[in-house]
């Protein structure tokens, strides 16, 4: 029992709306781990066009998504290309329209708004129509509720909800979270994961640690 091939674009033959993103995403500035999937009734193939917005290679920011993540229909990742300069009286991007409006534009005023890479950890569940803003880190094991707007980092194994998203609860106590992060089952070889599925999807941390 070795599980599905993570390089198969559509791993569920009777359910084409689900796709593993690693073989589907071709953008140089998006990195996706094995077995992370996107679920969309129109199909997952257009994930990078539909869900990753304002992402321009010239800016240099990356969207990094870990392994074993579940991303629901309509989730959006807003990247740094959406930011406007905030240092002046107007936020209007006159310079992009040219015809003389680009003259005198100080690129540093815009570069100050770049917030770095957007990073989604491993085993993260992002709910339907959730929005993740630029430069945010959603850590391992977290859950982002449907329609949430994530504007700040999310700690490991937190459940966040709302606009702006706030921690609604922690999935486990601090000691258990520390043990889970140490085990990091998502980094195990696939055959080891397959042999220990009961421990991974169970609720006995000692059993999971024994497998580790």
N, C-alpha and C. Protein backbone atom coordinates (compact mmCIF):
# COMPACT_ATOMS: atom_id res chain seq x y z
N UNK A 1 0.85 -1.19 0.00
CA UNK A 1 0.00 0.00 0.00
C UNK A 1 0.89 1.24 0.00
N UNK A 2 1.01 1.87 -1.14
CA UNK A 2 1.90 3.02 -1.26
C UNK A 2 1.16 4.33 -1.55
N UNK A 3 -0.18 4.30 -1.62
CA UNK A 3 -0.93 5.51 -1.87
C UNK A 3 -0.90 5.92 -3.33
N UNK A 4 -1.58 7.02 -3.66
CA UNK A 4 -1.63 7.48 -5.05
C UNK A 4 -0.31 8.11 -5.49
N UNK A 5 -0.16 8.21 -6.78
CA UNK A 5 1.00 8.88 -7.36
C UNK A 5 0.79 10.39 -7.27
N UNK A 6 1.66 11.14 -6.56
CA UNK A 6 1.46 12.58 -6.41
C UNK A 6 1.64 13.37 -7.70
N UNK A 7 2.15 12.70 -8.75
CA UNK A 7 2.34 13.37 -10.04
C UNK A 7 1.14 13.23 -10.96
N UNK A 8 0.09 12.54 -10.51
CA UNK A 8 -1.13 12.41 -11.30
C UNK A 8 -1.98 13.66 -11.11
N UNK A 9 -2.37 14.28 -12.19
CA UNK A 9 -3.12 15.53 -12.10
C UNK A 9 -4.51 15.33 -11.51
N UNK A 10 -5.17 14.24 -11.93
CA UNK A 10 -6.53 13.99 -11.48
C UNK A 10 -6.57 12.61 -10.82
N UNK A 11 -6.33 12.54 -9.51
CA UNK A 11 -6.13 11.25 -8.86
C UNK A 11 -7.40 10.45 -8.58
N UNK A 12 -8.56 11.09 -8.67
CA UNK A 12 -9.82 10.39 -8.39
C UNK A 12 -10.59 10.30 -9.70
N UNK A 13 -10.59 9.14 -10.31
CA UNK A 13 -11.11 9.00 -11.68
C UNK A 13 -12.57 9.41 -11.81
N UNK A 14 -13.37 9.17 -10.79
CA UNK A 14 -14.79 9.50 -10.86
C UNK A 14 -15.09 10.88 -10.29
N UNK A 15 -14.06 11.63 -9.97
CA UNK A 15 -14.27 12.94 -9.32
C UNK A 15 -13.28 13.94 -9.90
N UNK A 16 -13.46 14.36 -11.16
CA UNK A 16 -12.46 15.18 -11.85
C UNK A 16 -12.31 16.60 -11.29
N UNK A 17 -13.18 16.99 -10.38
CA UNK A 17 -13.07 18.33 -9.80
C UNK A 17 -11.89 18.45 -8.84
N UNK A 18 -11.30 17.32 -8.45
CA UNK A 18 -10.18 17.31 -7.51
C UNK A 18 -8.89 17.04 -8.26
N UNK A 19 -7.88 17.83 -7.98
CA UNK A 19 -6.60 17.62 -8.65
C UNK A 19 -5.43 17.89 -7.73
N UNK A 20 -4.39 17.06 -7.84
CA UNK A 20 -3.13 17.36 -7.16
C UNK A 20 -2.48 18.55 -7.85
N UNK A 21 -2.10 19.56 -7.07
CA UNK A 21 -1.62 20.81 -7.66
C UNK A 21 -0.18 20.75 -8.16
N UNK A 22 0.64 19.92 -7.56
CA UNK A 22 2.05 19.91 -7.95
C UNK A 22 2.23 19.71 -9.46
N UNK A 23 1.56 18.73 -10.08
CA UNK A 23 1.72 18.58 -11.54
C UNK A 23 0.88 19.55 -12.36
N UNK A 24 -0.05 20.25 -11.73
CA UNK A 24 -0.91 21.17 -12.47
C UNK A 24 -0.34 22.58 -12.56
N UNK A 25 0.44 22.97 -11.56
CA UNK A 25 0.96 24.34 -11.50
C UNK A 25 2.28 24.42 -12.26
N UNK A 26 2.38 25.39 -13.14
CA UNK A 26 3.58 25.55 -13.96
C UNK A 26 4.30 26.87 -13.69
N UNK A 27 3.70 27.77 -12.94
CA UNK A 27 4.31 29.08 -12.71
C UNK A 27 5.62 28.95 -11.95
N UNK A 28 6.61 29.72 -12.36
CA UNK A 28 7.94 29.64 -11.73
C UNK A 28 7.94 30.18 -10.31
N UNK A 29 6.95 30.97 -9.95
CA UNK A 29 6.93 31.59 -8.63
C UNK A 29 5.92 30.94 -7.68
N UNK A 30 5.47 29.72 -8.02
CA UNK A 30 4.60 28.93 -7.14
C UNK A 30 5.25 27.58 -6.88
N UNK A 31 5.31 27.21 -5.62
CA UNK A 31 5.86 25.91 -5.23
C UNK A 31 4.80 25.15 -4.43
N UNK A 32 4.51 23.91 -4.82
CA UNK A 32 3.48 23.12 -4.14
C UNK A 32 4.05 21.75 -3.80
N UNK A 33 3.75 21.29 -2.59
CA UNK A 33 4.23 19.99 -2.14
C UNK A 33 3.35 18.85 -2.61
N UNK A 34 3.86 17.65 -2.43
CA UNK A 34 3.15 16.43 -2.84
C UNK A 34 1.80 16.31 -2.13
N UNK A 35 0.81 15.82 -2.88
CA UNK A 35 -0.51 15.44 -2.40
C UNK A 35 -1.41 16.62 -2.00
N UNK A 36 -0.94 17.83 -2.13
CA UNK A 36 -1.83 18.98 -1.91
C UNK A 36 -2.81 19.06 -3.07
N UNK A 37 -4.10 19.22 -2.74
CA UNK A 37 -5.11 19.23 -3.80
C UNK A 37 -6.00 20.46 -3.75
N UNK A 38 -6.58 20.75 -4.90
CA UNK A 38 -7.58 21.81 -5.04
C UNK A 38 -8.86 21.19 -5.57
N UNK A 39 -9.99 21.61 -5.00
CA UNK A 39 -11.30 21.07 -5.36
C UNK A 39 -12.15 22.18 -5.95
N UNK A 40 -12.56 22.01 -7.22
CA UNK A 40 -13.34 23.05 -7.90
C UNK A 40 -14.29 22.37 -8.88
N UNK A 41 -15.57 22.71 -8.87
CA UNK A 41 -16.51 22.06 -9.80
C UNK A 41 -16.17 22.30 -11.26
N UNK A 42 -15.43 23.37 -11.55
CA UNK A 42 -15.00 23.64 -12.92
C UNK A 42 -13.68 22.95 -13.24
N UNK A 43 -13.16 22.19 -12.29
CA UNK A 43 -11.88 21.51 -12.47
C UNK A 43 -10.75 22.28 -11.83
N UNK A 44 -9.70 21.60 -11.41
CA UNK A 44 -8.59 22.24 -10.71
C UNK A 44 -7.50 22.81 -11.62
N UNK A 45 -7.63 22.59 -12.91
CA UNK A 45 -6.53 22.89 -13.83
C UNK A 45 -6.17 24.38 -13.90
N UNK A 46 -7.13 25.24 -13.61
CA UNK A 46 -6.88 26.69 -13.71
C UNK A 46 -6.58 27.31 -12.35
N UNK A 47 -6.10 26.51 -11.42
CA UNK A 47 -5.83 27.02 -10.08
C UNK A 47 -4.97 28.27 -10.09
N UNK A 48 -3.86 28.25 -10.80
CA UNK A 48 -2.94 29.39 -10.73
C UNK A 48 -3.52 30.64 -11.36
N UNK A 49 -4.43 30.48 -12.35
CA UNK A 49 -5.06 31.66 -12.96
C UNK A 49 -6.22 32.18 -12.11
N UNK A 50 -7.00 31.26 -11.54
CA UNK A 50 -8.20 31.65 -10.81
C UNK A 50 -7.93 32.03 -9.36
N UNK A 51 -6.95 31.37 -8.75
CA UNK A 51 -6.79 31.46 -7.30
C UNK A 51 -5.58 32.25 -6.85
N UNK A 52 -4.61 32.44 -7.71
CA UNK A 52 -3.39 33.17 -7.35
C UNK A 52 -3.39 34.47 -8.13
N UNK A 53 -3.69 35.56 -7.46
CA UNK A 53 -3.96 36.82 -8.14
C UNK A 53 -2.83 37.83 -7.95
N UNK A 54 -2.58 38.62 -9.02
CA UNK A 54 -1.58 39.70 -8.99
C UNK A 54 -0.19 39.16 -8.66
N UNK A 55 0.16 38.06 -9.32
CA UNK A 55 1.43 37.41 -9.03
C UNK A 55 2.35 37.54 -10.24
N UNK A 56 3.30 38.47 -10.16
CA UNK A 56 4.14 38.79 -11.29
C UNK A 56 5.59 38.43 -10.97
N UNK A 57 6.25 37.63 -11.82
CA UNK A 57 7.62 37.21 -11.53
C UNK A 57 8.58 38.36 -11.26
N UNK A 58 8.37 39.51 -11.89
CA UNK A 58 9.29 40.63 -11.72
C UNK A 58 9.34 41.11 -10.27
N UNK A 59 8.28 40.87 -9.51
CA UNK A 59 8.25 41.31 -8.12
C UNK A 59 9.14 40.43 -7.25
N UNK A 60 9.19 39.14 -7.56
CA UNK A 60 10.08 38.25 -6.85
C UNK A 60 9.46 37.49 -5.69
N UNK A 61 8.18 37.74 -5.39
CA UNK A 61 7.56 37.00 -4.29
C UNK A 61 7.08 35.64 -4.76
N UNK A 62 7.02 34.69 -3.82
CA UNK A 62 6.60 33.34 -4.15
C UNK A 62 5.39 32.93 -3.31
N UNK A 63 4.60 32.05 -3.88
CA UNK A 63 3.58 31.35 -3.11
C UNK A 63 4.11 29.94 -2.88
N UNK A 64 4.29 29.59 -1.61
CA UNK A 64 4.83 28.28 -1.24
C UNK A 64 3.76 27.54 -0.45
N UNK A 65 3.34 26.39 -0.95
CA UNK A 65 2.31 25.58 -0.30
C UNK A 65 2.91 24.22 0.01
N UNK A 66 2.75 23.77 1.24
CA UNK A 66 3.35 22.52 1.66
C UNK A 66 2.63 21.28 1.18
N UNK A 67 2.93 20.18 1.82
CA UNK A 67 2.38 18.88 1.45
C UNK A 67 1.04 18.63 2.16
N UNK A 68 0.22 17.79 1.54
CA UNK A 68 -1.01 17.29 2.15
C UNK A 68 -1.98 18.41 2.56
N UNK A 69 -2.02 19.49 1.79
CA UNK A 69 -2.98 20.55 2.05
C UNK A 69 -4.26 20.31 1.25
N UNK A 70 -5.37 20.77 1.81
CA UNK A 70 -6.67 20.68 1.14
C UNK A 70 -7.18 22.10 0.91
N UNK A 71 -7.36 22.47 -0.35
CA UNK A 71 -7.77 23.83 -0.70
C UNK A 71 -9.13 23.77 -1.38
N UNK A 72 -10.10 24.43 -0.79
CA UNK A 72 -11.48 24.35 -1.26
C UNK A 72 -11.75 25.34 -2.38
N UNK A 73 -12.85 25.11 -3.04
CA UNK A 73 -13.30 25.93 -4.17
C UNK A 73 -13.29 27.42 -3.81
N UNK A 74 -12.74 28.22 -4.72
CA UNK A 74 -12.81 29.67 -4.58
C UNK A 74 -11.82 30.29 -3.63
N UNK A 75 -10.93 29.51 -3.04
CA UNK A 75 -9.90 30.11 -2.20
C UNK A 75 -9.03 31.03 -3.07
N UNK A 76 -8.56 32.12 -2.48
CA UNK A 76 -7.76 33.10 -3.23
C UNK A 76 -6.50 33.47 -2.44
N UNK A 77 -5.41 33.57 -3.18
CA UNK A 77 -4.15 34.04 -2.62
C UNK A 77 -3.82 35.35 -3.32
N UNK A 78 -3.92 36.44 -2.59
CA UNK A 78 -3.62 37.76 -3.15
C UNK A 78 -2.14 38.03 -2.94
N UNK A 79 -1.42 38.24 -4.04
CA UNK A 79 0.02 38.40 -3.95
C UNK A 79 0.41 39.88 -3.96
N UNK A 80 1.71 40.14 -3.82
CA UNK A 80 2.20 41.50 -3.62
C UNK A 80 1.94 42.44 -4.80
N UNK A 81 1.69 41.89 -5.98
CA UNK A 81 1.40 42.74 -7.12
C UNK A 81 0.12 43.53 -6.98
N UNK A 82 -0.71 43.17 -5.99
CA UNK A 82 -1.95 43.91 -5.75
C UNK A 82 -1.74 45.16 -4.92
N UNK A 83 -0.56 45.30 -4.29
CA UNK A 83 -0.33 46.42 -3.38
C UNK A 83 -0.14 47.74 -4.14
N UNK A 84 -0.57 48.82 -3.52
CA UNK A 84 -0.37 50.17 -4.04
C UNK A 84 0.51 50.95 -3.07
N UNK A 85 1.20 51.92 -3.58
CA UNK A 85 2.02 52.78 -2.71
C UNK A 85 1.12 53.56 -1.76
N UNK A 86 1.51 53.60 -0.50
CA UNK A 86 0.68 54.25 0.53
C UNK A 86 1.31 55.52 1.10
N UNK A 87 2.46 55.92 0.57
CA UNK A 87 3.20 57.01 1.19
C UNK A 87 2.70 58.40 0.78
N UNK A 88 1.94 58.47 -0.28
CA UNK A 88 1.46 59.77 -0.74
C UNK A 88 -0.01 60.00 -0.42
N UNK A 89 -0.55 61.09 -0.94
CA UNK A 89 -1.96 61.41 -0.69
C UNK A 89 -2.91 60.49 -1.43
N UNK A 90 -2.48 60.02 -2.61
CA UNK A 90 -3.33 59.13 -3.41
C UNK A 90 -2.66 57.77 -3.54
N UNK A 91 -3.49 56.73 -3.53
CA UNK A 91 -3.00 55.37 -3.77
C UNK A 91 -3.16 54.96 -5.23
N UNK A 92 -3.65 55.86 -6.08
CA UNK A 92 -3.90 55.51 -7.47
C UNK A 92 -2.58 55.25 -8.20
N UNK A 93 -2.49 54.15 -8.99
CA UNK A 93 -1.23 53.80 -9.65
C UNK A 93 -1.05 54.52 -10.99
N UNK A 94 -0.90 55.84 -10.95
CA UNK A 94 -0.77 56.64 -12.17
C UNK A 94 0.29 56.09 -13.12
N UNK A 95 1.41 55.66 -12.55
CA UNK A 95 2.57 55.29 -13.36
C UNK A 95 2.31 54.14 -14.32
N UNK A 96 1.41 53.21 -13.97
CA UNK A 96 1.24 52.04 -14.82
C UNK A 96 0.54 52.37 -16.13
N UNK A 97 -0.07 53.56 -16.22
CA UNK A 97 -0.79 53.94 -17.43
C UNK A 97 0.07 54.72 -18.42
N UNK A 98 1.30 55.08 -18.00
CA UNK A 98 2.23 55.71 -18.92
C UNK A 98 1.76 57.06 -19.45
N UNK A 99 2.17 57.37 -20.70
CA UNK A 99 1.83 58.64 -21.35
C UNK A 99 2.26 59.83 -20.50
N UNK A 100 3.40 59.68 -19.87
CA UNK A 100 3.94 60.76 -19.05
C UNK A 100 3.67 60.60 -17.57
N UNK A 101 2.64 59.82 -17.21
CA UNK A 101 2.31 59.65 -15.79
C UNK A 101 3.37 58.83 -15.04
N UNK A 102 4.19 58.11 -15.79
CA UNK A 102 5.23 57.32 -15.13
C UNK A 102 6.42 58.18 -14.71
N UNK A 103 6.53 59.39 -15.24
CA UNK A 103 7.68 60.24 -14.95
C UNK A 103 7.66 60.69 -13.49
N UNK A 104 8.81 60.54 -12.87
CA UNK A 104 8.95 60.98 -11.49
C UNK A 104 8.47 59.96 -10.46
N UNK A 105 7.97 58.82 -10.94
CA UNK A 105 7.50 57.82 -9.98
C UNK A 105 8.69 57.17 -9.28
N UNK A 106 8.66 57.15 -7.97
CA UNK A 106 9.73 56.56 -7.17
C UNK A 106 9.34 55.12 -6.86
N UNK A 107 10.02 54.15 -7.49
CA UNK A 107 9.66 52.75 -7.29
C UNK A 107 9.84 52.31 -5.83
N UNK A 108 10.66 53.01 -5.09
CA UNK A 108 10.87 52.64 -3.69
C UNK A 108 9.59 52.78 -2.88
N UNK A 109 8.72 53.73 -3.28
CA UNK A 109 7.47 53.90 -2.54
C UNK A 109 6.57 52.68 -2.67
N UNK A 110 6.65 52.00 -3.81
CA UNK A 110 5.88 50.78 -3.99
C UNK A 110 6.59 49.58 -3.37
N UNK A 111 7.91 49.52 -3.53
CA UNK A 111 8.67 48.38 -3.00
C UNK A 111 8.54 48.26 -1.49
N UNK A 112 8.31 49.38 -0.82
CA UNK A 112 8.12 49.32 0.63
C UNK A 112 6.87 48.56 1.03
N UNK A 113 5.94 48.41 0.07
CA UNK A 113 4.70 47.69 0.36
C UNK A 113 4.80 46.19 0.11
N UNK A 114 5.90 45.71 -0.45
CA UNK A 114 6.08 44.29 -0.71
C UNK A 114 6.32 43.57 0.61
N UNK A 115 5.51 42.56 0.89
CA UNK A 115 5.52 41.93 2.21
C UNK A 115 6.15 40.54 2.21
N UNK A 116 6.81 40.16 1.12
CA UNK A 116 7.52 38.89 1.09
C UNK A 116 6.65 37.74 0.60
N UNK A 117 7.17 36.54 0.74
CA UNK A 117 6.49 35.35 0.25
C UNK A 117 5.25 35.04 1.08
N UNK A 118 4.30 34.40 0.45
CA UNK A 118 3.14 33.84 1.13
C UNK A 118 3.42 32.34 1.30
N UNK A 119 3.34 31.86 2.54
CA UNK A 119 3.74 30.49 2.83
C UNK A 119 2.62 29.75 3.55
N UNK A 120 2.20 28.64 2.96
CA UNK A 120 1.22 27.77 3.57
C UNK A 120 1.95 26.50 4.00
N UNK A 121 1.79 26.11 5.24
CA UNK A 121 2.51 24.96 5.76
C UNK A 121 1.98 23.64 5.25
N UNK A 122 2.24 22.58 5.97
CA UNK A 122 1.80 21.24 5.61
C UNK A 122 0.51 20.89 6.34
N UNK A 123 -0.31 20.04 5.72
CA UNK A 123 -1.54 19.56 6.35
C UNK A 123 -2.45 20.71 6.76
N UNK A 124 -2.54 21.72 5.90
CA UNK A 124 -3.39 22.89 6.12
C UNK A 124 -4.68 22.72 5.33
N UNK A 125 -5.80 23.07 5.93
CA UNK A 125 -7.10 23.04 5.26
C UNK A 125 -7.57 24.48 5.09
N UNK A 126 -7.76 24.89 3.84
CA UNK A 126 -8.23 26.24 3.54
C UNK A 126 -9.64 26.13 2.98
N UNK A 127 -10.60 26.73 3.67
CA UNK A 127 -12.01 26.59 3.35
C UNK A 127 -12.45 27.39 2.14
N UNK A 128 -13.68 27.13 1.72
CA UNK A 128 -14.25 27.73 0.53
C UNK A 128 -14.24 29.26 0.58
N UNK A 129 -13.72 29.86 -0.48
CA UNK A 129 -13.71 31.32 -0.68
C UNK A 129 -12.90 32.07 0.39
N UNK A 130 -12.02 31.38 1.08
CA UNK A 130 -11.10 32.09 1.98
C UNK A 130 -10.11 32.90 1.16
N UNK A 131 -9.63 33.99 1.73
CA UNK A 131 -8.66 34.86 1.07
C UNK A 131 -7.43 34.99 1.96
N UNK A 132 -6.27 34.75 1.38
CA UNK A 132 -5.00 34.89 2.09
C UNK A 132 -4.26 36.08 1.48
N UNK A 133 -3.92 37.05 2.29
CA UNK A 133 -3.30 38.28 1.81
C UNK A 133 -1.78 38.14 1.71
N UNK A 134 -1.11 39.09 1.03
CA UNK A 134 0.33 38.95 0.75
C UNK A 134 1.19 38.82 2.01
N UNK A 135 2.21 37.97 1.91
CA UNK A 135 3.21 37.88 2.95
C UNK A 135 2.79 37.14 4.20
N UNK A 136 1.63 36.50 4.16
CA UNK A 136 1.12 35.79 5.33
C UNK A 136 1.72 34.38 5.39
N UNK A 137 1.93 33.87 6.60
CA UNK A 137 2.31 32.47 6.80
C UNK A 137 1.20 31.77 7.57
N UNK A 138 0.67 30.70 6.96
CA UNK A 138 -0.30 29.83 7.63
C UNK A 138 0.46 28.57 7.99
N UNK A 139 0.65 28.32 9.26
CA UNK A 139 1.58 27.27 9.69
C UNK A 139 0.94 25.88 9.64
N UNK A 140 1.77 24.87 9.89
CA UNK A 140 1.37 23.47 9.77
C UNK A 140 0.11 23.15 10.58
N UNK A 141 -0.77 22.33 9.98
CA UNK A 141 -1.92 21.82 10.69
C UNK A 141 -3.05 22.80 10.93
N UNK A 142 -2.93 24.01 10.41
CA UNK A 142 -3.95 25.04 10.65
C UNK A 142 -5.19 24.81 9.78
N UNK A 143 -6.29 25.40 10.18
CA UNK A 143 -7.54 25.39 9.42
C UNK A 143 -7.99 26.83 9.24
N UNK A 144 -8.29 27.20 8.00
CA UNK A 144 -8.81 28.53 7.68
C UNK A 144 -10.28 28.35 7.29
N UNK A 145 -11.17 28.93 8.07
CA UNK A 145 -12.60 28.74 7.84
C UNK A 145 -13.04 29.40 6.52
N UNK A 146 -14.14 28.91 5.98
CA UNK A 146 -14.70 29.45 4.74
C UNK A 146 -14.93 30.94 4.85
N UNK A 147 -14.62 31.65 3.77
CA UNK A 147 -14.84 33.09 3.61
C UNK A 147 -14.01 33.95 4.57
N UNK A 148 -13.03 33.36 5.23
CA UNK A 148 -12.15 34.15 6.08
C UNK A 148 -11.19 34.99 5.25
N UNK A 149 -10.73 36.09 5.81
CA UNK A 149 -9.70 36.92 5.19
C UNK A 149 -8.50 36.92 6.12
N UNK A 150 -7.43 36.26 5.67
CA UNK A 150 -6.26 36.06 6.52
C UNK A 150 -5.24 37.16 6.24
N UNK A 151 -5.09 38.06 7.20
CA UNK A 151 -4.19 39.20 7.03
C UNK A 151 -2.96 39.13 7.93
N UNK A 152 -2.93 38.16 8.83
CA UNK A 152 -1.79 37.99 9.73
C UNK A 152 -1.43 36.51 9.81
N UNK A 153 -0.21 36.24 10.26
CA UNK A 153 0.26 34.86 10.36
C UNK A 153 -0.66 34.02 11.24
N UNK A 154 -0.78 32.75 10.88
CA UNK A 154 -1.62 31.80 11.61
C UNK A 154 -0.71 30.77 12.27
N UNK A 155 -0.82 30.57 13.59
CA UNK A 155 0.08 29.62 14.26
C UNK A 155 -0.26 28.17 13.93
N UNK A 156 0.66 27.25 14.22
CA UNK A 156 0.40 25.84 13.94
C UNK A 156 -0.84 25.33 14.66
N UNK A 157 -1.63 24.55 13.95
CA UNK A 157 -2.81 23.87 14.50
C UNK A 157 -3.85 24.82 15.07
N UNK A 158 -3.87 26.06 14.57
CA UNK A 158 -4.93 27.00 14.95
C UNK A 158 -6.09 26.88 13.97
N UNK A 159 -7.28 27.19 14.45
CA UNK A 159 -8.46 27.35 13.59
C UNK A 159 -8.78 28.83 13.57
N UNK A 160 -8.74 29.45 12.37
CA UNK A 160 -9.01 30.89 12.27
C UNK A 160 -10.26 31.11 11.44
N UNK A 161 -10.97 32.19 11.78
CA UNK A 161 -12.22 32.50 11.08
C UNK A 161 -12.47 33.99 11.15
N UNK A 162 -13.21 34.50 10.15
CA UNK A 162 -13.66 35.89 10.18
C UNK A 162 -12.88 36.80 9.26
N UNK A 163 -13.24 38.07 9.30
CA UNK A 163 -12.59 39.12 8.51
C UNK A 163 -12.39 40.34 9.40
N UNK A 164 -11.13 40.56 9.83
CA UNK A 164 -9.94 39.74 9.57
C UNK A 164 -9.98 38.45 10.37
N UNK A 165 -9.33 37.40 9.86
CA UNK A 165 -9.35 36.11 10.52
C UNK A 165 -8.64 36.19 11.87
N UNK A 166 -9.31 35.63 12.86
CA UNK A 166 -8.74 35.55 14.21
C UNK A 166 -8.80 34.11 14.69
N UNK A 167 -7.94 33.78 15.65
CA UNK A 167 -7.92 32.42 16.17
C UNK A 167 -9.22 32.16 16.94
N UNK A 168 -10.00 31.19 16.45
CA UNK A 168 -11.23 30.80 17.12
C UNK A 168 -10.95 29.78 18.20
N UNK A 169 -10.00 28.89 17.91
CA UNK A 169 -9.57 27.90 18.90
C UNK A 169 -8.29 27.25 18.40
N UNK A 170 -7.63 26.54 19.29
CA UNK A 170 -6.50 25.71 18.93
C UNK A 170 -6.98 24.27 18.84
N UNK A 171 -6.48 23.55 17.87
CA UNK A 171 -6.93 22.18 17.68
C UNK A 171 -6.46 21.27 18.81
N UNK A 172 -5.30 21.57 19.37
CA UNK A 172 -4.73 20.73 20.43
C UNK A 172 -4.04 21.64 21.44
N UNK A 173 -3.69 21.09 22.59
CA UNK A 173 -2.96 21.87 23.59
C UNK A 173 -1.52 22.08 23.14
N UNK A 174 -0.82 23.00 23.80
CA UNK A 174 0.53 23.37 23.37
C UNK A 174 1.49 22.19 23.36
N UNK A 175 1.39 21.34 24.37
CA UNK A 175 2.31 20.20 24.45
C UNK A 175 2.10 19.23 23.28
N UNK A 176 0.84 18.99 22.95
CA UNK A 176 0.54 18.08 21.84
C UNK A 176 0.99 18.68 20.52
N UNK A 177 0.78 19.99 20.34
CA UNK A 177 1.22 20.66 19.12
C UNK A 177 2.74 20.53 18.96
N UNK A 178 3.47 20.74 20.04
CA UNK A 178 4.94 20.62 19.97
C UNK A 178 5.34 19.21 19.56
N UNK A 179 4.64 18.21 20.08
CA UNK A 179 4.95 16.83 19.74
C UNK A 179 4.62 16.54 18.27
N UNK A 180 3.49 17.07 17.81
CA UNK A 180 3.10 16.88 16.40
C UNK A 180 4.11 17.52 15.45
N UNK A 181 4.57 18.71 15.78
CA UNK A 181 5.55 19.38 14.93
C UNK A 181 6.88 18.64 14.93
N UNK A 182 7.21 18.01 16.05
CA UNK A 182 8.44 17.22 16.10
C UNK A 182 8.31 15.98 15.22
N UNK A 183 7.17 15.32 15.26
CA UNK A 183 6.95 14.13 14.46
C UNK A 183 6.94 14.46 12.96
N UNK A 184 6.27 15.58 12.59
CA UNK A 184 6.22 16.05 11.19
C UNK A 184 5.98 14.89 10.22
N UNK A 185 4.88 14.20 10.40
CA UNK A 185 4.60 12.99 9.61
C UNK A 185 4.61 13.25 8.11
N UNK A 186 4.30 14.47 7.69
CA UNK A 186 4.23 14.80 6.26
C UNK A 186 5.59 14.70 5.57
N UNK A 187 6.65 14.67 6.36
CA UNK A 187 7.99 14.51 5.79
C UNK A 187 8.44 13.04 5.75
N UNK A 188 7.64 12.14 6.24
CA UNK A 188 7.98 10.73 6.18
C UNK A 188 7.93 10.23 4.74
N UNK A 189 8.66 9.16 4.42
CA UNK A 189 8.49 8.52 3.11
C UNK A 189 7.05 8.05 2.94
N UNK A 190 6.57 8.03 1.71
CA UNK A 190 5.17 7.68 1.46
C UNK A 190 4.84 6.28 1.97
N UNK A 191 5.76 5.34 1.83
CA UNK A 191 5.46 3.99 2.29
C UNK A 191 5.29 3.95 3.81
N UNK A 192 6.04 4.78 4.53
CA UNK A 192 5.89 4.85 5.98
C UNK A 192 4.57 5.51 6.36
N UNK A 193 4.20 6.56 5.64
CA UNK A 193 2.89 7.18 5.87
C UNK A 193 1.79 6.15 5.65
N UNK A 194 1.90 5.39 4.56
CA UNK A 194 0.88 4.40 4.24
C UNK A 194 0.75 3.34 5.33
N UNK A 195 1.86 2.93 5.91
CA UNK A 195 1.84 1.91 6.97
C UNK A 195 1.25 2.43 8.27
N UNK A 196 1.26 3.75 8.44
CA UNK A 196 0.88 4.33 9.72
C UNK A 196 -0.33 5.27 9.62
N UNK A 197 -1.18 5.03 8.65
CA UNK A 197 -2.34 5.90 8.47
C UNK A 197 -3.24 5.96 9.70
N UNK A 198 -3.42 4.84 10.37
CA UNK A 198 -4.29 4.84 11.54
C UNK A 198 -3.77 5.78 12.62
N UNK A 199 -2.46 5.82 12.78
CA UNK A 199 -1.88 6.72 13.78
C UNK A 199 -1.98 8.17 13.33
N UNK A 200 -1.78 8.42 12.05
CA UNK A 200 -1.81 9.79 11.53
C UNK A 200 -3.22 10.37 11.60
N UNK A 201 -4.22 9.57 11.26
CA UNK A 201 -5.59 10.10 11.27
C UNK A 201 -6.31 9.80 12.59
N UNK A 202 -5.58 9.22 13.52
CA UNK A 202 -6.15 8.97 14.84
C UNK A 202 -5.93 10.14 15.77
N UNK A 203 -6.13 9.90 17.05
CA UNK A 203 -6.02 10.98 18.04
C UNK A 203 -5.13 10.58 19.21
N UNK A 204 -4.23 9.63 18.97
CA UNK A 204 -3.32 9.15 20.02
C UNK A 204 -1.91 9.58 19.65
N UNK A 205 -1.44 10.65 20.27
CA UNK A 205 -0.13 11.20 19.93
C UNK A 205 0.98 10.20 20.27
N UNK A 206 0.79 9.39 21.30
CA UNK A 206 1.81 8.42 21.66
C UNK A 206 1.96 7.38 20.56
N UNK A 207 0.86 6.97 19.94
CA UNK A 207 0.91 6.01 18.84
C UNK A 207 1.65 6.60 17.65
N UNK A 208 1.43 7.88 17.39
CA UNK A 208 2.11 8.53 16.28
C UNK A 208 3.60 8.65 16.55
N UNK A 209 3.94 9.00 17.78
CA UNK A 209 5.34 9.09 18.16
C UNK A 209 6.03 7.73 18.11
N UNK A 210 5.29 6.67 18.45
CA UNK A 210 5.87 5.32 18.36
C UNK A 210 6.24 4.97 16.94
N UNK A 211 5.42 5.42 15.98
CA UNK A 211 5.71 5.19 14.57
C UNK A 211 6.90 6.00 14.11
N UNK A 212 7.08 7.17 14.73
CA UNK A 212 8.18 8.07 14.38
C UNK A 212 9.53 7.47 14.72
